[in-house]
PDB file of all heavy atoms in Angstrom:
ATOM      1  N   ALA A   1      85.299 -63.480 -35.770  1.00  0.00           N
ATOM      2  CA  ALA A   1      85.290 -62.581 -36.926  1.00  0.00           C
ATOM      3  C   ALA A   1      85.627 -61.153 -36.527  1.00  0.00           C
ATOM      4  O   ALA A   1      86.301 -60.436 -37.278  1.00  0.00           O
ATOM      5  CB  ALA A   1      83.933 -62.630 -37.615  1.00  0.00           C
ATOM      6  N   HIS A   2      85.151 -60.738 -35.356  1.00  0.00           N
ATOM      7  CA  HIS A   2      85.418 -59.364 -34.919  1.00  0.00           C
ATOM      8  C   HIS A   2      85.319 -59.274 -33.400  1.00  0.00           C
ATOM      9  O   HIS A   2      84.377 -59.794 -32.805  1.00  0.00           O
ATOM     10  CB  HIS A   2      84.421 -58.389 -35.548  1.00  0.00           C
ATOM     11  CG  HIS A   2      84.815 -56.949 -35.377  1.00  0.00           C
ATOM     12  ND1 HIS A   2      85.593 -56.282 -36.286  1.00  0.00           N
ATOM     13  CD2 HIS A   2      84.560 -56.061 -34.386  1.00  0.00           C
ATOM     14  CE1 HIS A   2      85.784 -55.036 -35.875  1.00  0.00           C
ATOM     15  NE2 HIS A   2      85.167 -54.886 -34.726  1.00  0.00           N
ATOM     16  N   VAL A   3      86.313 -58.638 -32.801  1.00  0.00           N
ATOM     17  CA  VAL A   3      86.290 -58.361 -31.368  1.00  0.00           C
ATOM     18  C   VAL A   3      85.736 -56.953 -31.164  1.00  0.00           C
ATOM     19  O   VAL A   3      86.261 -55.986 -31.727  1.00  0.00           O
ATOM     20  CB  VAL A   3      87.698 -58.473 -30.751  1.00  0.00           C
ATOM     21  CG1 VAL A   3      87.704 -57.955 -29.323  1.00  0.00           C
ATOM     22  CG2 VAL A   3      88.176 -59.919 -30.777  1.00  0.00           C
ATOM     23  N   ILE A   4      84.669 -56.851 -30.392  1.00  0.00           N
ATOM     24  CA  ILE A   4      84.030 -55.558 -30.136  1.00  0.00           C
ATOM     25  C   ILE A   4      84.514 -55.030 -28.801  1.00  0.00           C
ATOM     26  O   ILE A   4      84.299 -55.648 -27.756  1.00  0.00           O
ATOM     27  CB  ILE A   4      82.497 -55.701 -30.097  1.00  0.00           C
ATOM     28  CG1 ILE A   4      81.980 -56.312 -31.401  1.00  0.00           C
ATOM     29  CG2 ILE A   4      81.827 -54.358 -29.833  1.00  0.00           C
ATOM     30  CD1 ILE A   4      80.542 -56.767 -31.320  1.00  0.00           C
ATOM     31  N   ASN A   5      85.198 -53.895 -28.829  1.00  0.00           N
ATOM     32  CA  ASN A   5      85.591 -53.217 -27.601  1.00  0.00           C
ATOM     33  C   ASN A   5      84.863 -51.881 -27.540  1.00  0.00           C
ATOM     34  O   ASN A   5      85.241 -50.941 -28.244  1.00  0.00           O
ATOM     35  CB  ASN A   5      87.104 -52.997 -27.543  1.00  0.00           C
ATOM     36  CG  ASN A   5      87.527 -52.311 -26.251  1.00  0.00           C
ATOM     37  OD1 ASN A   5      87.583 -51.090 -26.178  1.00  0.00           O
ATOM     38  ND2 ASN A   5      87.802 -53.094 -25.237  1.00  0.00           N
ATOM     39  N   PRO A   6      83.798 -51.790 -26.738  1.00  0.00           N
ATOM     40  CA  PRO A   6      82.992 -50.563 -26.733  1.00  0.00           C
ATOM     41  C   PRO A   6      83.796 -49.311 -26.404  1.00  0.00           C
ATOM     42  O   PRO A   6      83.529 -48.240 -26.965  1.00  0.00           O
ATOM     43  CB  PRO A   6      81.935 -50.848 -25.653  1.00  0.00           C
ATOM     44  CG  PRO A   6      81.851 -52.336 -25.590  1.00  0.00           C
ATOM     45  CD  PRO A   6      83.240 -52.827 -25.850  1.00  0.00           C
ATOM     46  N   ASP A   7      84.778 -49.428 -25.510  1.00  0.00           N
ATOM     47  CA  ASP A   7      85.567 -48.248 -25.141  1.00  0.00           C
ATOM     48  C   ASP A   7      86.343 -47.717 -26.338  1.00  0.00           C
ATOM     49  O   ASP A   7      86.353 -46.506 -26.614  1.00  0.00           O
ATOM     50  CB  ASP A   7      86.528 -48.595 -23.998  1.00  0.00           C
ATOM     51  CG  ASP A   7      85.806 -48.944 -22.706  1.00  0.00           C
ATOM     52  OD1 ASP A   7      84.580 -48.713 -22.638  1.00  0.00           O
ATOM     53  OD2 ASP A   7      86.454 -49.453 -21.771  1.00  0.00           O
ATOM     54  N   GLN A   8      86.998 -48.614 -27.055  1.00  0.00           N
ATOM     55  CA  GLN A   8      87.767 -48.180 -28.229  1.00  0.00           C
ATOM     56  C   GLN A   8      86.854 -47.655 -29.340  1.00  0.00           C
ATOM     57  O   GLN A   8      87.203 -46.688 -30.030  1.00  0.00           O
ATOM     58  CB  GLN A   8      88.626 -49.337 -28.741  1.00  0.00           C
ATOM     59  CG  GLN A   8      89.762 -49.715 -27.804  1.00  0.00           C
ATOM     60  CD  GLN A   8      90.615 -50.843 -28.333  1.00  0.00           C
ATOM     61  OE1 GLN A   8      90.222 -51.572 -29.244  1.00  0.00           O
ATOM     62  NE2 GLN A   8      91.797 -51.011 -27.761  1.00  0.00           N
ATOM     63  N   GLU A   9      85.697 -48.288 -29.487  1.00  0.00           N
ATOM     64  CA  GLU A   9      84.760 -47.847 -30.519  1.00  0.00           C
ATOM     65  C   GLU A   9      84.288 -46.423 -30.267  1.00  0.00           C
ATOM     66  O   GLU A   9      84.171 -45.607 -31.191  1.00  0.00           O
ATOM     67  CB  GLU A   9      83.550 -48.793 -30.580  1.00  0.00           C
ATOM     68  CG  GLU A   9      83.872 -50.228 -30.974  1.00  0.00           C
ATOM     69  CD  GLU A   9      84.044 -50.411 -32.464  1.00  0.00           C
ATOM     70  OE1 GLU A   9      83.839 -49.440 -33.207  1.00  0.00           O
ATOM     71  OE2 GLU A   9      84.389 -51.521 -32.883  1.00  0.00           O
ATOM     72  N   VAL A  10      84.004 -46.100 -28.998  1.00  0.00           N
ATOM     73  CA  VAL A  10      83.499 -44.766 -28.700  1.00  0.00           C
ATOM     74  C   VAL A  10      84.595 -43.716 -28.858  1.00  0.00           C
ATOM     75  O   VAL A  10      84.328 -42.579 -29.254  1.00  0.00           O
ATOM     76  CB  VAL A  10      82.870 -44.720 -27.285  1.00  0.00           C
ATOM     77  CG1 VAL A  10      83.910 -44.601 -26.197  1.00  0.00           C
ATOM     78  CG2 VAL A  10      81.874 -43.566 -27.189  1.00  0.00           C
ATOM     79  N   VAL A  11      85.843 -44.086 -28.582  1.00  0.00           N
ATOM     80  CA  VAL A  11      86.944 -43.137 -28.779  1.00  0.00           C
ATOM     81  C   VAL A  11      87.138 -42.862 -30.270  1.00  0.00           C
ATOM     82  O   VAL A  11      87.398 -41.716 -30.668  1.00  0.00           O
ATOM     83  CB  VAL A  11      88.240 -43.670 -28.131  1.00  0.00           C
ATOM     84  CG1 VAL A  11      89.433 -42.808 -28.527  1.00  0.00           C
ATOM     85  CG2 VAL A  11      88.094 -43.687 -26.612  1.00  0.00           C
ATOM     86  N   LEU A  12      86.996 -43.881 -31.100  1.00  0.00           N
ATOM     87  CA  LEU A  12      87.077 -43.658 -32.542  1.00  0.00           C
ATOM     88  C   LEU A  12      85.978 -42.706 -33.015  1.00  0.00           C
ATOM     89  O   LEU A  12      86.219 -41.826 -33.847  1.00  0.00           O
ATOM     90  CB  LEU A  12      86.966 -44.994 -33.278  1.00  0.00           C
ATOM     91  CG  LEU A  12      88.173 -45.933 -33.188  1.00  0.00           C
ATOM     92  CD1 LEU A  12      87.854 -47.278 -33.829  1.00  0.00           C
ATOM     93  CD2 LEU A  12      89.394 -45.316 -33.847  1.00  0.00           C
ATOM     94  N   ALA A  13      84.765 -42.896 -32.472  1.00  0.00           N
ATOM     95  CA  ALA A  13      83.658 -41.991 -32.825  1.00  0.00           C
ATOM     96  C   ALA A  13      83.970 -40.568 -32.375  1.00  0.00           C
ATOM     97  O   ALA A  13      83.664 -39.600 -33.085  1.00  0.00           O
ATOM     98  CB  ALA A  13      82.360 -42.485 -32.191  1.00  0.00           C
ATOM     99  N   LEU A  14      84.569 -40.440 -31.203  1.00  0.00           N
ATOM    100  CA  LEU A  14      84.943 -39.115 -30.690  1.00  0.00           C
ATOM    101  C   LEU A  14      85.979 -38.464 -31.595  1.00  0.00           C
ATOM    102  O   LEU A  14      85.862 -37.269 -31.939  1.00  0.00           O
ATOM    103  CB  LEU A  14      85.488 -39.268 -29.271  1.00  0.00           C
ATOM    104  CG  LEU A  14      86.099 -38.017 -28.629  1.00  0.00           C
ATOM    105  CD1 LEU A  14      85.043 -36.932 -28.469  1.00  0.00           C
ATOM    106  CD2 LEU A  14      86.715 -38.358 -27.277  1.00  0.00           C
ATOM    107  N   GLU A  15      86.988 -39.221 -32.004  1.00  0.00           N
ATOM    108  CA  GLU A  15      88.018 -38.668 -32.886  1.00  0.00           C
ATOM    109  C   GLU A  15      87.416 -38.173 -34.190  1.00  0.00           C
ATOM    110  O   GLU A  15      87.761 -37.087 -34.676  1.00  0.00           O
ATOM    111  CB  GLU A  15      89.081 -39.733 -33.175  1.00  0.00           C
ATOM    112  CG  GLU A  15      89.987 -40.052 -32.010  1.00  0.00           C
ATOM    113  CD  GLU A  15      91.072 -41.045 -32.416  1.00  0.00           C
ATOM    114  OE1 GLU A  15      92.139 -40.598 -32.879  1.00  0.00           O
ATOM    115  OE2 GLU A  15      90.825 -42.255 -32.295  1.00  0.00           O
ATOM    116  N   ARG A  16      86.523 -38.978 -34.770  1.00  0.00           N
ATOM    117  CA  ARG A  16      85.902 -38.564 -36.035  1.00  0.00           C
ATOM    118  C   ARG A  16      85.108 -37.280 -35.866  1.00  0.00           C
ATOM    119  O   ARG A  16      85.122 -36.402 -36.736  1.00  0.00           O
ATOM    120  CB  ARG A  16      85.001 -39.686 -36.565  1.00  0.00           C
ATOM    121  CG  ARG A  16      85.750 -40.920 -37.019  1.00  0.00           C
ATOM    122  CD  ARG A  16      84.856 -41.838 -37.834  1.00  0.00           C
ATOM    123  NE  ARG A  16      83.768 -42.399 -37.043  1.00  0.00           N
ATOM    124  CZ  ARG A  16      83.803 -43.585 -36.459  1.00  0.00           C
ATOM    125  NH1 ARG A  16      84.892 -44.337 -36.544  1.00  0.00           N
ATOM    126  NH2 ARG A  16      82.758 -44.036 -35.791  1.00  0.00           N
ATOM    127  N   MET A  17      84.412 -37.156 -34.740  1.00  0.00           N
ATOM    128  CA  MET A  17      83.596 -35.976 -34.504  1.00  0.00           C
ATOM    129  C   MET A  17      84.460 -34.717 -34.363  1.00  0.00           C
ATOM    130  O   MET A  17      84.104 -33.642 -34.859  1.00  0.00           O
ATOM    131  CB  MET A  17      82.747 -36.184 -33.246  1.00  0.00           C
ATOM    132  CG  MET A  17      81.647 -35.166 -33.046  1.00  0.00           C
ATOM    133  SD  MET A  17      80.619 -35.571 -31.611  1.00  0.00           S
ATOM    134  CE  MET A  17      79.748 -37.022 -32.217  1.00  0.00           C
ATOM    135  N   LEU A  18      85.604 -34.850 -33.702  1.00  0.00           N
ATOM    136  CA  LEU A  18      86.468 -33.692 -33.490  1.00  0.00           C
ATOM    137  C   LEU A  18      87.258 -33.322 -34.744  1.00  0.00           C
ATOM    138  O   LEU A  18      87.645 -32.171 -34.922  1.00  0.00           O
ATOM    139  CB  LEU A  18      87.430 -33.961 -32.334  1.00  0.00           C
ATOM    140  CG  LEU A  18      86.785 -34.098 -30.948  1.00  0.00           C
ATOM    141  CD1 LEU A  18      87.841 -34.375 -29.888  1.00  0.00           C
ATOM    142  CD2 LEU A  18      85.996 -32.845 -30.586  1.00  0.00           C
ATOM    143  N   GLU A  19      87.487 -34.304 -35.617  1.00  0.00           N
ATOM    144  CA  GLU A  19      88.206 -34.021 -36.859  1.00  0.00           C
ATOM    145  C   GLU A  19      87.364 -33.199 -37.829  1.00  0.00           C
ATOM    146  O   GLU A  19      87.907 -32.549 -38.722  1.00  0.00           O
ATOM    147  CB  GLU A  19      88.624 -35.332 -37.534  1.00  0.00           C
ATOM    148  CG  GLU A  19      89.808 -36.016 -36.857  1.00  0.00           C
ATOM    149  CD  GLU A  19      90.091 -37.380 -37.473  1.00  0.00           C
ATOM    150  OE1 GLU A  19      89.321 -37.786 -38.374  1.00  0.00           O
ATOM    151  OE2 GLU A  19      91.052 -38.023 -37.054  1.00  0.00           O
ATOM    152  N   VAL A  20      86.038 -33.252 -37.673  1.00  0.00           N
ATOM    153  CA  VAL A  20      85.137 -32.509 -38.564  1.00  0.00           C
ATOM    154  C   VAL A  20      84.375 -31.498 -37.715  1.00  0.00           C
ATOM    155  O   VAL A  20      83.300 -31.802 -37.185  1.00  0.00           O
ATOM    156  CB  VAL A  20      84.163 -33.460 -39.287  1.00  0.00           C
ATOM    157  CG1 VAL A  20      83.311 -32.679 -40.289  1.00  0.00           C
ATOM    158  CG2 VAL A  20      84.926 -34.579 -39.994  1.00  0.00           C
ATOM    159  N   PRO A  21      84.914 -30.302 -37.513  1.00  0.00           N
ATOM    160  CA  PRO A  21      84.265 -29.308 -36.647  1.00  0.00           C
ATOM    161  C   PRO A  21      82.844 -28.997 -37.109  1.00  0.00           C
ATOM    162  O   PRO A  21      82.581 -28.844 -38.297  1.00  0.00           O
ATOM    163  CB  PRO A  21      85.168 -28.077 -36.798  1.00  0.00           C
ATOM    164  CG  PRO A  21      86.477 -28.607 -37.264  1.00  0.00           C
ATOM    165  CD  PRO A  21      86.157 -29.803 -38.099  1.00  0.00           C
ATOM    166  N   GLY A  22      81.934 -28.957 -36.155  1.00  0.00           N
ATOM    167  CA  GLY A  22      80.552 -28.655 -36.467  1.00  0.00           C
ATOM    168  C   GLY A  22      79.704 -29.874 -36.753  1.00  0.00           C
ATOM    169  O   GLY A  22      78.478 -29.785 -36.790  1.00  0.00           O
ATOM    170  N   ALA A  23      80.340 -31.024 -36.963  1.00  0.00           N
ATOM    171  CA  ALA A  23      79.588 -32.237 -37.293  1.00  0.00           C
ATOM    172  C   ALA A  23      78.960 -32.842 -36.052  1.00  0.00           C
ATOM    173  O   ALA A  23      79.565 -32.891 -34.986  1.00  0.00           O
ATOM    174  CB  ALA A  23      80.490 -33.260 -37.963  1.00  0.00           C
ATOM    175  N   MET A  24      77.726 -33.316 -36.192  1.00  0.00           N
ATOM    176  CA  MET A  24      77.047 -34.053 -35.130  1.00  0.00           C
ATOM    177  C   MET A  24      77.324 -35.540 -35.233  1.00  0.00           C
ATOM    178  O   MET A  24      77.355 -36.257 -34.233  1.00  0.00           O
ATOM    179  CB  MET A  24      75.542 -33.794 -35.209  1.00  0.00           C
ATOM    180  CG  MET A  24      75.168 -32.339 -35.006  1.00  0.00           C
ATOM    181  SD  MET A  24      73.487 -31.980 -35.579  1.00  0.00           S
ATOM    182  CE  MET A  24      72.535 -33.161 -34.636  1.00  0.00           C
ATOM    183  N   GLU A  25      77.491 -36.016 -36.459  1.00  0.00           N
ATOM    184  CA  GLU A  25      77.816 -37.413 -36.708  1.00  0.00           C
ATOM    185  C   GLU A  25      78.763 -37.472 -37.894  1.00  0.00           C
ATOM    186  O   GLU A  25      78.622 -36.708 -38.849  1.00  0.00           O
ATOM    187  CB  GLU A  25      76.564 -38.241 -37.029  1.00  0.00           C
ATOM    188  CG  GLU A  25      75.580 -38.385 -35.892  1.00  0.00           C
ATOM    189  CD  GLU A  25      74.378 -39.237 -36.290  1.00  0.00           C
ATOM    190  OE1 GLU A  25      74.577 -40.249 -36.994  1.00  0.00           O
ATOM    191  OE2 GLU A  25      73.249 -38.877 -35.911  1.00  0.00           O
ATOM    192  N   VAL A  26      79.712 -38.390 -37.829  1.00  0.00           N
ATOM    193  CA  VAL A  26      80.636 -38.626 -38.942  1.00  0.00           C
ATOM    194  C   VAL A  26      80.729 -40.132 -39.155  1.00  0.00           C
ATOM    195  O   VAL A  26      81.167 -40.861 -38.269  1.00  0.00           O
ATOM    196  CB  VAL A  26      82.038 -38.047 -38.658  1.00  0.00           C
ATOM    197  CG1 VAL A  26      82.961 -38.311 -39.839  1.00  0.00           C
ATOM    198  CG2 VAL A  26      81.956 -36.558 -38.367  1.00  0.00           C
ATOM    199  N   ASN A  27      80.317 -40.585 -40.321  1.00  0.00           N
ATOM    200  CA  ASN A  27      80.330 -42.015 -40.634  1.00  0.00           C
ATOM    201  C   ASN A  27      81.186 -42.245 -41.876  1.00  0.00           C
ATOM    202  O   ASN A  27      80.804 -41.872 -42.979  1.00  0.00           O
ATOM    203  CB  ASN A  27      78.904 -42.518 -40.894  1.00  0.00           C
ATOM    204  CG  ASN A  27      78.008 -42.347 -39.679  1.00  0.00           C
ATOM    205  OD1 ASN A  27      78.297 -42.879 -38.621  1.00  0.00           O
ATOM    206  ND2 ASN A  27      76.931 -41.591 -39.831  1.00  0.00           N
ATOM    207  N   PRO A  28      82.372 -42.836 -41.700  1.00  0.00           N
ATOM    208  CA  PRO A  28      83.254 -43.068 -42.849  1.00  0.00           C
ATOM    209  C   PRO A  28      82.923 -44.365 -43.571  1.00  0.00           C
ATOM    210  O   PRO A  28      82.490 -45.348 -42.969  1.00  0.00           O
ATOM    211  CB  PRO A  28      84.640 -43.150 -42.207  1.00  0.00           C
ATOM    212  CG  PRO A  28      84.380 -43.705 -40.833  1.00  0.00           C
ATOM    213  CD  PRO A  28      83.010 -43.214 -40.426  1.00  0.00           C
ATOM    214  N   PHE A  29      83.135 -44.362 -44.886  1.00  0.00           N
ATOM    215  CA  PHE A  29      83.006 -45.561 -45.708  1.00  0.00           C
ATOM    216  C   PHE A  29      84.256 -45.683 -46.570  1.00  0.00           C
ATOM    217  O   PHE A  29      84.977 -44.703 -46.778  1.00  0.00           O
ATOM    218  CB  PHE A  29      81.764 -45.481 -46.594  1.00  0.00           C
ATOM    219  CG  PHE A  29      80.469 -45.460 -45.832  1.00  0.00           C
ATOM    220  CD1 PHE A  29      79.809 -44.262 -45.583  1.00  0.00           C
ATOM    221  CD2 PHE A  29      79.904 -46.631 -45.351  1.00  0.00           C
ATOM    222  CE1 PHE A  29      78.612 -44.234 -44.873  1.00  0.00           C
ATOM    223  CE2 PHE A  29      78.715 -46.617 -44.639  1.00  0.00           C
ATOM    224  CZ  PHE A  29      78.070 -45.413 -44.400  1.00  0.00           C
ATOM    225  N   ALA A  30      84.481 -46.882 -47.078  1.00  0.00           N
ATOM    226  CA  ALA A  30      85.619 -47.146 -47.966  1.00  0.00           C
ATOM    227  C   ALA A  30      86.922 -46.645 -47.356  1.00  0.00           C
ATOM    228  O   ALA A  30      87.718 -45.971 -48.005  1.00  0.00           O
ATOM    229  CB  ALA A  30      85.391 -46.495 -49.342  1.00  0.00           C
ATOM    230  N   GLY A  31      87.121 -46.993 -46.084  1.00  0.00           N
ATOM    231  CA  GLY A  31      88.357 -46.620 -45.414  1.00  0.00           C
ATOM    232  C   GLY A  31      88.546 -45.126 -45.243  1.00  0.00           C
ATOM    233  O   GLY A  31      89.676 -44.643 -45.145  1.00  0.00           O
ATOM    234  N   GLY A  32      87.446 -44.364 -45.196  1.00  0.00           N
ATOM    235  CA  GLY A  32      87.518 -42.921 -45.006  1.00  0.00           C
ATOM    236  C   GLY A  32      87.534 -42.121 -46.293  1.00  0.00           C
ATOM    237  O   GLY A  32      87.507 -40.883 -46.254  1.00  0.00           O
ATOM    238  N   ARG A  33      87.536 -42.816 -47.432  1.00  0.00           N
ATOM    239  CA  ARG A  33      87.530 -42.075 -48.704  1.00  0.00           C
ATOM    240  C   ARG A  33      86.191 -41.411 -48.966  1.00  0.00           C
ATOM    241  O   ARG A  33      86.083 -40.481 -49.778  1.00  0.00           O
ATOM    242  CB  ARG A  33      87.888 -43.011 -49.860  1.00  0.00           C
ATOM    243  CG  ARG A  33      89.381 -43.349 -49.923  1.00  0.00           C
ATOM    244  CD  ARG A  33      89.687 -44.221 -51.110  1.00  0.00           C
ATOM    245  NE  ARG A  33      89.151 -45.563 -50.918  1.00  0.00           N
ATOM    246  CZ  ARG A  33      88.890 -46.404 -51.908  1.00  0.00           C
ATOM    247  NH1 ARG A  33      89.072 -46.030 -53.157  1.00  0.00           N
ATOM    248  NH2 ARG A  33      88.432 -47.611 -51.653  1.00  0.00           N
ATOM    249  N   VAL A  34      85.152 -41.873 -48.288  1.00  0.00           N
ATOM    250  CA  VAL A  34      83.812 -41.292 -48.389  1.00  0.00           C
ATOM    251  C   VAL A  34      83.298 -41.079 -46.982  1.00  0.00           C
ATOM    252  O   VAL A  34      83.519 -41.919 -46.105  1.00  0.00           O
ATOM    253  CB  VAL A  34      82.857 -42.221 -49.154  1.00  0.00           C
ATOM    254  CG1 VAL A  34      81.453 -41.641 -49.203  1.00  0.00           C
ATOM    255  CG2 VAL A  34      83.369 -42.493 -50.560  1.00  0.00           C
ATOM    256  N   LYS A  35      82.614 -39.952 -46.748  1.00  0.00           N
ATOM    257  CA  LYS A  35      82.074 -39.686 -45.419  1.00  0.00           C
ATOM    258  C   LYS A  35      80.631 -39.210 -45.504  1.00  0.00           C
ATOM    259  O   LYS A  35      80.297 -38.361 -46.348  1.00  0.00           O
ATOM    260  CB  LYS A  35      82.928 -38.647 -44.682  1.00  0.00           C
ATOM    261  CG  LYS A  35      84.316 -39.174 -44.319  1.00  0.00           C
ATOM    262  CD  LYS A  35      85.141 -38.161 -43.552  1.00  0.00           C
ATOM    263  CE  LYS A  35      86.498 -38.760 -43.192  1.00  0.00           C
ATOM    264  NZ  LYS A  35      87.356 -37.781 -42.476  1.00  0.00           N
ATOM    265  N   LEU A  36      79.809 -39.786 -44.635  1.00  0.00           N
ATOM    266  CA  LEU A  36      78.420 -39.356 -44.471  1.00  0.00           C
ATOM    267  C   LEU A  36      78.368 -38.554 -43.184  1.00  0.00           C
ATOM    268  O   LEU A  36      78.639 -39.076 -42.100  1.00  0.00           O
ATOM    269  CB  LEU A  36      77.497 -40.565 -44.402  1.00  0.00           C
ATOM    270  CG  LEU A  36      76.014 -40.295 -44.152  1.00  0.00           C
ATOM    271  CD1 LEU A  36      75.397 -39.520 -45.315  1.00  0.00           C
ATOM    272  CD2 LEU A  36      75.261 -41.602 -43.921  1.00  0.00           C
ATOM    273  N   ILE A  37      78.016 -37.285 -43.284  1.00  0.00           N
ATOM    274  CA  ILE A  37      78.153 -36.350 -42.166  1.00  0.00           C
ATOM    275  C   ILE A  37      76.812 -35.722 -41.824  1.00  0.00           C
ATOM    276  O   ILE A  37      76.064 -35.308 -42.719  1.00  0.00           O
ATOM    277  CB  ILE A  37      79.188 -35.253 -42.514  1.00  0.00           C
ATOM    278  CG1 ILE A  37      80.568 -35.894 -42.669  1.00  0.00           C
ATOM    279  CG2 ILE A  37      79.212 -34.160 -41.452  1.00  0.00           C
ATOM    280  CD1 ILE A  37      81.626 -34.943 -43.159  1.00  0.00           C
ATOM    281  N   GLY A  38      76.518 -35.663 -40.525  1.00  0.00           N
ATOM    282  CA  GLY A  38      75.336 -34.963 -40.049  1.00  0.00           C
ATOM    283  C   GLY A  38      75.718 -33.619 -39.465  1.00  0.00           C
ATOM    284  O   GLY A  38      76.634 -33.530 -38.643  1.00  0.00           O
ATOM    285  N   VAL A  39      75.040 -32.553 -39.885  1.00  0.00           N
ATOM    286  CA  VAL A  39      75.377 -31.195 -39.439  1.00  0.00           C
ATOM    287  C   VAL A  39      74.117 -30.343 -39.410  1.00  0.00           C
ATOM    288  O   VAL A  39      73.193 -30.552 -40.217  1.00  0.00           O
ATOM    289  CB  VAL A  39      76.446 -30.578 -40.377  1.00  0.00           C
ATOM    290  CG1 VAL A  39      75.915 -30.437 -41.792  1.00  0.00           C
ATOM    291  CG2 VAL A  39      76.954 -29.251 -39.849  1.00  0.00           C
ATOM    292  N   ARG A  40      74.068 -29.404 -38.486  1.00  0.00           N
ATOM    293  CA  ARG A  40      72.945 -28.472 -38.451  1.00  0.00           C
ATOM    294  C   ARG A  40      73.244 -27.283 -39.354  1.00  0.00           C
ATOM    295  O   ARG A  40      74.355 -26.742 -39.348  1.00  0.00           O
ATOM    296  CB  ARG A  40      72.680 -27.995 -37.020  1.00  0.00           C
ATOM    297  CG  ARG A  40      71.423 -27.118 -36.925  1.00  0.00           C
ATOM    298  CD  ARG A  40      71.058 -26.804 -35.491  1.00  0.00           C
ATOM    299  NE  ARG A  40      70.605 -27.981 -34.767  1.00  0.00           N
ATOM    300  CZ  ARG A  40      69.390 -28.488 -34.828  1.00  0.00           C
ATOM    301  NH1 ARG A  40      68.487 -27.942 -35.628  1.00  0.00           N
ATOM    302  NH2 ARG A  40      69.067 -29.544 -34.123  1.00  0.00           N
ATOM    303  N   VAL A  41      72.246 -26.866 -40.139  1.00  0.00           N
ATOM    304  CA  VAL A  41      72.419 -25.755 -41.070  1.00  0.00           C
ATOM    305  C   VAL A  41      72.441 -24.436 -40.295  1.00  0.00           C
ATOM    306  O   VAL A  41      71.478 -24.098 -39.595  1.00  0.00           O
ATOM    307  CB  VAL A  41      71.282 -25.743 -42.119  1.00  0.00           C
ATOM    308  CG1 VAL A  41      71.436 -24.557 -43.063  1.00  0.00           C
ATOM    309  CG2 VAL A  41      71.273 -27.051 -42.904  1.00  0.00           C
ATOM    310  N   CYS A  42      73.551 -23.705 -40.415  1.00  0.00           N
ATOM    311  CA  CYS A  42      73.683 -22.414 -39.732  1.00  0.00           C
ATOM    312  C   CYS A  42      72.826 -21.346 -40.424  1.00  0.00           C
ATOM    313  O   CYS A  42      72.545 -21.449 -41.625  1.00  0.00           O
ATOM    314  CB  CYS A  42      75.143 -21.963 -39.736  1.00  0.00           C
ATOM    315  SG  CYS A  42      76.187 -22.838 -38.560  1.00  0.00           S
TER     316      CYS A  42
END
């Protein structure tokens, strides 16, 4: 059903984090049309 490649998964997480400056976590849903983002309040 799904091949898990930890190296590729972590690079995807890294890309998402760098695409959203200031974000601690970026979790996309619905193919990226919705995002749940963790950020510290400045």
